[in-house]
Amino acid sequence: MFIGRYYHTLEENRRLSLPKNFRKIETNWIITRGLDGGLFLFRAVNFKEELKKLSQRTFTKKAHRDFIRLMANDAKELLADDNGRVSLPEYLTEFAKLKKQVVIVGSYSKVEIWDRDQYHHYLEKIQAQAEKIAEGLNDQD
């Protein structure tokens, strides 16, 4: 389980040091485009499970095919070095508009990587609606 918020610096050659709590859990990762402006970083085994669930949906629906493409086509395997650093692909750092200052957040089964300014802008937007979001959750989702 991944939880918490960590502030890090994107190093030269797009290297990023993962939080120690996350390093203890995994060294083999899959990174892909995220939703809402960040990147998703999955444990390799969890990513395979997520794709398996997605692939069980009917391929005749365009939305299903498109979402699998978005998740799988841009995915890349990453292996953390002995210091817990990973090298992010250039195309994904461009997609997420990552600059020097980044935020790494635990989102239960995955990790999200955001540009610091983008993350705080997004967070401000959803915090103002926290009660409305909570009320809108359906127990059957």
C-alpha atoms as a PDB file:
ATOM      1  CA  MET A   1       0.000   0.000   0.000  1.00  0.00           C
ATOM      2  CA  PHE A   2       1.300   3.432  -0.965  1.00  0.00           C
ATOM      3  CA  ILE A   3       0.296   6.481   1.063  1.00  0.00           C
ATOM      4  CA  GLY A   4       1.734   9.912   1.802  1.00  0.00           C
ATOM      5  CA  ARG A   5       3.104  12.923  -0.024  1.00  0.00           C
ATOM      6  CA  TYR A   6       6.806  13.452  -0.708  1.00  0.00           C
ATOM      7  CA  TYR A   7       8.611  16.372  -2.322  1.00  0.00           C
ATOM      8  CA  HIS A   8      11.606  15.544  -4.488  1.00  0.00           C
ATOM      9  CA  THR A   9      13.790  17.061  -7.164  1.00  0.00           C
ATOM     10  CA  LEU A  10      13.997  15.688 -10.666  1.00  0.00           C
ATOM     11  CA  GLU A  11      17.718  15.154 -11.199  1.00  0.00           C
ATOM     12  CA  GLU A  12      19.853  15.329 -14.290  1.00  0.00           C
ATOM     13  CA  ASN A  13      18.831  12.884 -17.019  1.00  0.00           C
ATOM     14  CA  ARG A  14      15.303  12.751 -15.543  1.00  0.00           C
ATOM     15  CA  ARG A  15      16.398  10.604 -12.593  1.00  0.00           C
ATOM     16  CA  LEU A  16      14.101  10.576  -9.609  1.00  0.00           C
ATOM     17  CA  SER A  17      14.761   9.241  -6.144  1.00  0.00           C
ATOM     18  CA  LEU A  18      11.760   7.351  -4.818  1.00  0.00           C
ATOM     19  CA  PRO A  19      10.693   7.769  -1.186  1.00  0.00           C
ATOM     20  CA  LYS A  20      12.293   5.246   1.170  1.00  0.00           C
ATOM     21  CA  ASN A  21       8.896   3.852   2.180  1.00  0.00           C
ATOM     22  CA  PHE A  22       8.172   2.991  -1.445  1.00  0.00           C
ATOM     23  CA  ARG A  23      11.643   1.548  -2.101  1.00  0.00           C
ATOM     24  CA  LYS A  24      11.109  -1.028   0.629  1.00  0.00           C
ATOM     25  CA  ILE A  25       8.056  -2.321  -1.189  1.00  0.00           C
ATOM     26  CA  GLU A  26       9.358  -2.639  -4.745  1.00  0.00           C
ATOM     27  CA  THR A  27      12.281  -2.283  -7.142  1.00  0.00           C
ATOM     28  CA  ASN A  28      10.510  -3.346 -10.372  1.00  0.00           C
ATOM     29  CA  TRP A  29       8.128  -0.685 -11.616  1.00  0.00           C
ATOM     30  CA  ILE A  30       5.964   0.193 -14.592  1.00  0.00           C
ATOM     31  CA  ILE A  31       5.438   3.865 -15.343  1.00  0.00           C
ATOM     32  CA  THR A  32       2.752   5.172 -17.655  1.00  0.00           C
ATOM     33  CA  ARG A  33       0.702   8.238 -18.351  1.00  0.00           C
ATOM     34  CA  GLY A  34      -1.649   9.056 -15.538  1.00  0.00           C
ATOM     35  CA  LEU A  35      -4.945  10.818 -15.418  1.00  0.00           C
ATOM     36  CA  ASP A  36      -5.609  14.414 -14.356  1.00  0.00           C
ATOM     37  CA  GLY A  37      -2.062  15.600 -15.144  1.00  0.00           C
ATOM     38  CA  GLY A  38       0.395  13.267 -13.432  1.00  0.00           C
ATOM     39  CA  LEU A  39       2.066   9.940 -14.098  1.00  0.00           C
ATOM     40  CA  PHE A  40       1.159   6.540 -12.664  1.00  0.00           C
ATOM     41  CA  LEU A  41       3.897   4.352 -11.234  1.00  0.00           C
ATOM     42  CA  PHE A  42       2.790   0.780 -10.524  1.00  0.00           C
ATOM     43  CA  ARG A  43       4.526  -2.178  -8.989  1.00  0.00           C
ATOM     44  CA  ALA A  44       5.128  -4.380 -12.050  1.00  0.00           C
ATOM     45  CA  VAL A  45       2.881  -7.123 -10.693  1.00  0.00           C
ATOM     46  CA  ASN A  46       0.034  -4.655  -9.996  1.00  0.00           C
ATOM     47  CA  PHE A  47       0.247  -3.172 -13.483  1.00  0.00           C
ATOM     48  CA  LYS A  48      -0.145  -6.624 -15.013  1.00  0.00           C
ATOM     49  CA  GLU A  49      -3.201  -7.232 -12.817  1.00  0.00           C
ATOM     50  CA  GLU A  50      -4.749  -3.915 -13.857  1.00  0.00           C
ATOM     51  CA  LEU A  51      -4.200  -4.644 -17.548  1.00  0.00           C
ATOM     52  CA  LYS A  52      -5.671  -8.103 -17.106  1.00  0.00           C
ATOM     53  CA  LYS A  53      -8.828  -6.590 -15.587  1.00  0.00           C
ATOM     54  CA  LEU A  54      -9.051  -4.104 -18.431  1.00  0.00           C
ATOM     55  CA  SER A  55      -8.517  -6.774 -21.070  1.00  0.00           C
ATOM     56  CA  GLN A  56     -11.475  -8.753 -19.702  1.00  0.00           C
ATOM     57  CA  ARG A  57     -13.801  -5.977 -20.770  1.00  0.00           C
ATOM     58  CA  THR A  58     -15.261  -6.289 -24.228  1.00  0.00           C
ATOM     59  CA  PHE A  59     -12.921  -5.082 -26.961  1.00  0.00           C
ATOM     60  CA  THR A  60     -15.900  -4.051 -29.066  1.00  0.00           C
ATOM     61  CA  LYS A  61     -16.297  -0.834 -27.087  1.00  0.00           C
ATOM     62  CA  LYS A  62     -14.057   1.937 -28.332  1.00  0.00           C
ATOM     63  CA  ALA A  63     -13.623   3.461 -24.850  1.00  0.00           C
ATOM     64  CA  HIS A  64     -12.203   0.157 -23.573  1.00  0.00           C
ATOM     65  CA  ARG A  65      -9.762  -0.136 -26.474  1.00  0.00           C
ATOM     66  CA  ASP A  66      -8.702   3.481 -26.132  1.00  0.00           C
ATOM     67  CA  PHE A  67      -8.080   3.273 -22.393  1.00  0.00           C
ATOM     68  CA  ILE A  68      -5.968   0.132 -22.774  1.00  0.00           C
ATOM     69  CA  ARG A  69      -3.969   1.947 -25.454  1.00  0.00           C
ATOM     70  CA  LEU A  70      -3.435   4.943 -23.193  1.00  0.00           C
ATOM     71  CA  MET A  71      -2.228   2.771 -20.327  1.00  0.00           C
ATOM     72  CA  ALA A  72      -0.192   0.192 -22.254  1.00  0.00           C
ATOM     73  CA  ASN A  73       1.235   2.046 -25.246  1.00  0.00           C
ATOM     74  CA  ASP A  74       3.126   4.591 -23.164  1.00  0.00           C
ATOM     75  CA  ALA A  75       4.088   2.187 -20.374  1.00  0.00           C
ATOM     76  CA  LYS A  76       7.743   1.510 -19.660  1.00  0.00           C
ATOM     77  CA  GLU A  77       9.451  -0.854 -17.263  1.00  0.00           C
ATOM     78  CA  LEU A  78      11.752   0.787 -14.728  1.00  0.00           C
ATOM     79  CA  LEU A  79      14.229  -0.799 -12.370  1.00  0.00           C
ATOM     80  CA  ALA A  80      15.260   1.191  -9.311  1.00  0.00           C
ATOM     81  CA  ASP A  81      19.002   1.344  -8.690  1.00  0.00           C
ATOM     82  CA  ASP A  82      20.596   0.599  -5.299  1.00  0.00           C
ATOM     83  CA  ASN A  83      19.793   4.148  -4.168  1.00  0.00           C
ATOM     84  CA  GLY A  84      16.120   3.871  -5.117  1.00  0.00           C
ATOM     85  CA  ARG A  85      16.412   6.048  -8.200  1.00  0.00           C
ATOM     86  CA  VAL A  86      14.591   5.510 -11.464  1.00  0.00           C
ATOM     87  CA  SER A  87      15.087   7.219 -14.814  1.00  0.00           C
ATOM     88  CA  LEU A  88      11.863   8.585 -16.224  1.00  0.00           C
ATOM     89  CA  PRO A  89      11.301   8.441 -19.981  1.00  0.00           C
ATOM     90  CA  GLU A  90      11.496  11.792 -21.732  1.00  0.00           C
ATOM     91  CA  TYR A  91       8.100  11.400 -23.434  1.00  0.00           C
ATOM     92  CA  LEU A  92       6.395  10.904 -20.058  1.00  0.00           C
ATOM     93  CA  THR A  93       8.171  13.800 -18.351  1.00  0.00           C
ATOM     94  CA  GLU A  94       7.006  15.966 -21.246  1.00  0.00           C
ATOM     95  CA  PHE A  95       3.460  14.579 -21.027  1.00  0.00           C
ATOM     96  CA  ALA A  96       3.233  15.406 -17.295  1.00  0.00           C
ATOM     97  CA  LYS A  97       5.086  18.719 -17.740  1.00  0.00           C
ATOM     98  CA  LEU A  98       7.526  17.730 -15.016  1.00  0.00           C
ATOM     99  CA  LYS A  99      10.012  20.407 -14.135  1.00  0.00           C
ATOM    100  CA  LYS A 100      12.637  20.357 -11.393  1.00  0.00           C
ATOM    101  CA  GLN A 101      10.289  20.198  -8.387  1.00  0.00           C
ATOM    102  CA  VAL A 102       8.002  17.169  -8.244  1.00  0.00           C
ATOM    103  CA  VAL A 103       5.570  15.593  -5.821  1.00  0.00           C
ATOM    104  CA  ILE A 104       5.412  11.837  -5.361  1.00  0.00           C
ATOM    105  CA  VAL A 105       2.149  10.717  -3.786  1.00  0.00           C
ATOM    106  CA  GLY A 106       0.915   7.353  -2.661  1.00  0.00           C
ATOM    107  CA  SER A 107      -2.502   6.527  -4.070  1.00  0.00           C
ATOM    108  CA  TYR A 108      -3.084   3.170  -2.406  1.00  0.00           C
ATOM    109  CA  SER A 109      -2.247   0.633  -5.162  1.00  0.00           C
ATOM    110  CA  LYS A 110      -0.121   2.986  -7.225  1.00  0.00           C
ATOM    111  CA  VAL A 111       2.173   5.973  -6.943  1.00  0.00           C
ATOM    112  CA  GLU A 112       1.542   9.247  -8.736  1.00  0.00           C
ATOM    113  CA  ILE A 113       4.263  11.633  -9.884  1.00  0.00           C
ATOM    114  CA  TRP A 114       3.294  15.247 -10.509  1.00  0.00           C
ATOM    115  CA  ASP A 115       4.923  18.562 -11.236  1.00  0.00           C
ATOM    116  CA  ARG A 116       4.717  20.369  -7.881  1.00  0.00           C
ATOM    117  CA  ASP A 117       2.835  23.419  -9.165  1.00  0.00           C
ATOM    118  CA  GLN A 118       0.393  21.339 -11.222  1.00  0.00           C
ATOM    119  CA  TYR A 119      -0.294  19.065  -8.247  1.00  0.00           C
ATOM    120  CA  HIS A 120      -1.067  21.915  -5.869  1.00  0.00           C
ATOM    121  CA  HIS A 121      -3.276  23.623  -8.432  1.00  0.00           C
ATOM    122  CA  TYR A 122      -5.241  20.386  -8.919  1.00  0.00           C
ATOM    123  CA  LEU A 123      -5.420  19.748  -5.166  1.00  0.00           C
ATOM    124  CA  GLU A 124      -6.819  23.231  -4.501  1.00  0.00           C
ATOM    125  CA  LYS A 125      -9.509  22.586  -7.068  1.00  0.00           C
ATOM    126  CA  ILE A 126     -10.667  19.288  -5.558  1.00  0.00           C
ATOM    127  CA  GLN A 127     -10.259  20.277  -1.887  1.00  0.00           C
ATOM    128  CA  ALA A 128     -12.888  22.948  -2.344  1.00  0.00           C
ATOM    129  CA  GLN A 129     -15.288  20.179  -3.404  1.00  0.00           C
ATOM    130  CA  ALA A 130     -14.307  17.489  -0.883  1.00  0.00           C
ATOM    131  CA  GLU A 131     -17.754  17.118   0.686  1.00  0.00           C
ATOM    132  CA  LYS A 132     -19.506  17.108  -2.672  1.00  0.00           C
ATOM    133  CA  ILE A 133     -17.097  14.455  -3.975  1.00  0.00           C
ATOM    134  CA  ALA A 134     -17.646  12.304  -0.873  1.00  0.00           C
ATOM    135  CA  GLU A 135     -21.433  12.651  -1.114  1.00  0.00           C
ATOM    136  CA  GLY A 136     -21.323  11.655  -4.777  1.00  0.00           C
ATOM    137  CA  LEU A 137     -19.606   8.346  -4.101  1.00  0.00           C
ATOM    138  CA  ASN A 138     -21.862   5.403  -4.588  1.00  0.00           C
ATOM    139  CA  ASP A 139     -21.328   2.321  -2.409  1.00  0.00           C
ATOM    140  CA  GLN A 140     -21.887   0.185  -5.488  1.00  0.00           C
ATOM    141  CA  ASP A 141     -19.104   1.733  -7.616  1.00  0.00           C
END
